Amino acid sequence: VVHYLQWGAAVPAVAPPIAHALPVLLRGYHTHAYKQVLMAGAMLPTSAGLKSISFKHLALSSQSLGVLLALLPHLKAILAAYLPEAQRHALKEFDGVESDLEAHQQQIFAKFVSILEERRRGRVKDLSAALAPPQAGAQRQPEPS
C-alpha cells in the first residue's frame, strides 16, 4: 500500500490507476481473511491446517480489519491530493471497500457473541445439574470438605 502511494505521489500520471488498484488489493485482503477465518478455510490441510479457529484468531482478524478501517480515510485523502478533479469519482470504490470491511468486522463480533453464548449455555447446564436436588432412590455423593 505504501509503495502504491509513493508511486502516486512521485508520478502523478499513475495516481488514477492506483486509485482503481488499491481498492482491488484491499478487497482481495478482505476476501482472503473472510474465507480463512469466518468460512474456516484456515482449517483446510491445503491452507494453514489449523485444528480450530480460536477466539484469538477472530480477535486478530478483527484487529487487522480495524487497522484497515482506520487507515482507509487517510489513504483516500492522500490519493485525492494527487488525482485530477475529473478522476476523483474513482475514490468512491473505497466506500464499497469500507462497507465490506465493516460488515466483515460485524460478522466477527457476531461470532464472538455466539461463542460466548454457547459457553454460557454450557456453564448454566453444568450449574443446573450441580444444583439439582437428588432424585429419589439415587445415592447421595459425599460433598468435598
Protein backbone atom coordinates (compact mmCIF):
# COMPACT_ATOMS: atom_id res chain seq x y z
CA VAL A 1 0.00 0.00 0.00
CA VAL A 2 2.82 2.37 0.90
CA HIS A 3 4.53 1.69 -2.43
CA TYR A 4 1.33 2.45 -4.31
CA LEU A 5 1.02 5.78 -2.50
CA GLN A 6 4.68 6.62 -3.05
CA TRP A 7 4.33 5.97 -6.77
CA GLY A 8 1.17 8.07 -6.89
CA ALA A 9 2.99 10.96 -5.24
CA ALA A 10 6.15 10.63 -7.34
CA VAL A 11 4.42 10.10 -10.68
CA PRO A 12 1.01 11.82 -10.70
CA ALA A 13 0.13 10.17 -14.02
CA VAL A 14 -0.15 6.80 -12.26
CA ALA A 15 -2.43 8.10 -9.50
CA PRO A 16 -5.66 7.23 -11.40
CA PRO A 17 -4.70 3.57 -11.99
CA ILE A 18 -3.60 3.36 -8.36
CA ALA A 19 -6.99 4.72 -7.28
CA HIS A 20 -8.51 1.71 -9.03
CA ALA A 21 -5.87 -0.85 -7.99
CA LEU A 22 -5.74 -0.07 -4.27
CA PRO A 23 -9.42 -0.91 -3.57
CA VAL A 24 -8.95 -4.15 -5.52
CA LEU A 25 -5.96 -5.00 -3.34
CA LEU A 26 -7.87 -4.21 -0.13
CA ARG A 27 -10.88 -6.23 -1.31
CA GLY A 28 -8.54 -9.13 -2.01
CA TYR A 29 -7.28 -8.97 1.57
CA HIS A 30 -10.85 -8.79 2.87
CA THR A 31 -11.93 -11.79 0.78
CA HIS A 32 -8.96 -13.88 1.83
CA ALA A 33 -9.36 -13.03 5.53
CA TYR A 34 -13.09 -13.76 5.32
CA LYS A 35 -12.54 -17.17 3.76
CA GLN A 36 -9.76 -18.13 6.16
CA VAL A 37 -11.43 -17.09 9.41
CA LEU A 38 -15.21 -16.97 9.05
CA MET A 39 -15.51 -19.75 6.49
CA ALA A 40 -12.89 -21.88 8.30
CA GLY A 41 -10.57 -22.06 5.31
CA ALA A 42 -7.60 -21.99 7.67
CA MET A 43 -8.63 -25.44 8.89
CA LEU A 44 -8.05 -27.00 5.47
CA PRO A 45 -4.84 -29.03 5.14
CA THR A 46 -4.00 -27.10 1.95
CA SER A 47 -4.15 -23.84 3.91
CA ALA A 48 -2.86 -23.26 7.44
CA GLY A 49 -4.08 -26.65 8.67
CA LEU A 50 -5.40 -25.33 11.97
CA LYS A 51 -7.39 -27.68 14.19
CA SER A 52 -9.86 -24.92 15.05
CA ILE A 53 -10.44 -21.21 14.63
CA SER A 54 -9.94 -19.82 18.11
CA PHE A 55 -11.10 -16.65 19.79
CA LYS A 56 -7.55 -15.37 19.28
CA HIS A 57 -7.76 -15.87 15.51
CA LEU A 58 -11.06 -14.00 15.42
CA ALA A 59 -9.61 -11.18 17.52
CA LEU A 60 -6.52 -10.82 15.31
CA SER A 61 -8.65 -10.77 12.19
CA SER A 62 -10.91 -8.13 13.72
CA GLN A 63 -7.92 -6.02 14.71
CA SER A 64 -6.45 -6.18 11.23
CA LEU A 65 -9.78 -5.07 9.78
CA GLY A 66 -9.87 -2.27 12.34
CA VAL A 67 -6.45 -1.06 11.24
CA LEU A 68 -7.58 -1.00 7.61
CA LEU A 69 -10.77 0.82 8.54
CA ALA A 70 -8.75 3.41 10.46
CA LEU A 71 -6.32 3.91 7.56
CA LEU A 72 -8.89 3.98 4.77
CA PRO A 73 -9.88 7.67 5.08
CA HIS A 74 -6.21 8.65 5.12
CA LEU A 75 -5.42 6.55 2.06
CA LYS A 76 -8.37 8.12 0.30
CA ALA A 77 -7.24 11.64 1.24
CA ILE A 78 -3.68 11.02 0.06
CA LEU A 79 -4.89 9.73 -3.28
CA ALA A 80 -7.35 12.61 -3.61
CA ALA A 81 -4.46 15.04 -3.34
CA TYR A 82 -2.80 13.53 -6.43
CA LEU A 83 -5.87 12.78 -8.54
CA PRO A 84 -7.17 15.29 -11.05
CA GLU A 85 -10.62 16.63 -10.12
CA ALA A 86 -12.26 14.80 -13.02
CA GLN A 87 -10.93 11.44 -11.75
CA ARG A 88 -11.90 11.74 -8.08
CA HIS A 89 -15.01 9.67 -8.72
CA ALA A 90 -12.67 6.66 -8.60
CA LEU A 91 -12.35 7.20 -4.84
CA LYS A 92 -15.96 6.03 -4.41
CA GLU A 93 -14.62 2.49 -4.72
CA PHE A 94 -13.11 2.99 -1.27
CA ASP A 95 -16.61 3.43 0.14
CA GLY A 96 -17.53 -0.07 -1.04
CA VAL A 97 -14.38 -1.47 0.49
CA GLU A 98 -15.16 0.30 3.75
CA SER A 99 -18.68 -1.14 3.92
CA ASP A 100 -17.32 -4.64 3.14
CA LEU A 101 -14.73 -4.37 5.91
CA GLU A 102 -17.31 -3.06 8.39
CA ALA A 103 -19.71 -5.89 7.55
CA HIS A 104 -16.90 -8.42 7.96
CA GLN A 105 -15.97 -6.96 11.32
CA GLN A 106 -19.62 -7.10 12.44
CA GLN A 107 -19.77 -10.76 11.45
CA ILE A 108 -16.68 -11.44 13.55
CA PHE A 109 -18.31 -9.67 16.51
CA ALA A 110 -21.45 -11.77 15.97
CA LYS A 111 -19.23 -14.88 16.05
CA PHE A 112 -17.71 -13.66 19.35
CA VAL A 113 -21.20 -13.31 20.79
CA SER A 114 -22.29 -16.74 19.58
CA ILE A 115 -19.19 -18.36 21.10
CA LEU A 116 -19.77 -16.63 24.43
CA GLU A 117 -23.46 -17.55 24.35
CA GLU A 118 -22.57 -21.18 23.66
CA ARG A 119 -20.14 -21.19 26.58
CA ARG A 120 -22.71 -19.54 28.84
CA ARG A 121 -25.33 -22.17 27.98
CA GLY A 122 -22.85 -24.94 28.77
CA ARG A 123 -21.97 -23.39 32.12
CA VAL A 124 -25.63 -22.87 33.03
CA LYS A 125 -26.38 -26.50 32.18
CA ASP A 126 -23.45 -27.64 34.35
CA LEU A 127 -24.56 -25.37 37.18
CA SER A 128 -28.17 -26.57 36.91
CA ALA A 129 -27.04 -30.19 37.07
CA ALA A 130 -24.85 -29.47 40.09
CA LEU A 131 -27.62 -27.64 41.95
CA ALA A 132 -30.44 -30.02 41.05
CA PRO A 133 -31.96 -31.85 44.04
CA PRO A 134 -31.03 -35.53 44.19
CA GLN A 135 -33.63 -37.87 42.75
CA ALA A 136 -35.41 -40.36 44.99
CA GLY A 137 -33.55 -43.62 45.24
CA ALA A 138 -30.31 -42.11 43.97
CA GLN A 139 -27.31 -42.37 46.23
CA ARG A 140 -26.07 -39.07 47.51
CA GLN A 141 -22.45 -38.36 46.76
CA PRO A 142 -20.33 -37.06 49.61
CA GLU A 143 -19.57 -33.36 49.39
CA PRO A 144 -15.93 -32.32 49.34
CA SER A 145 -14.66 -30.82 52.56
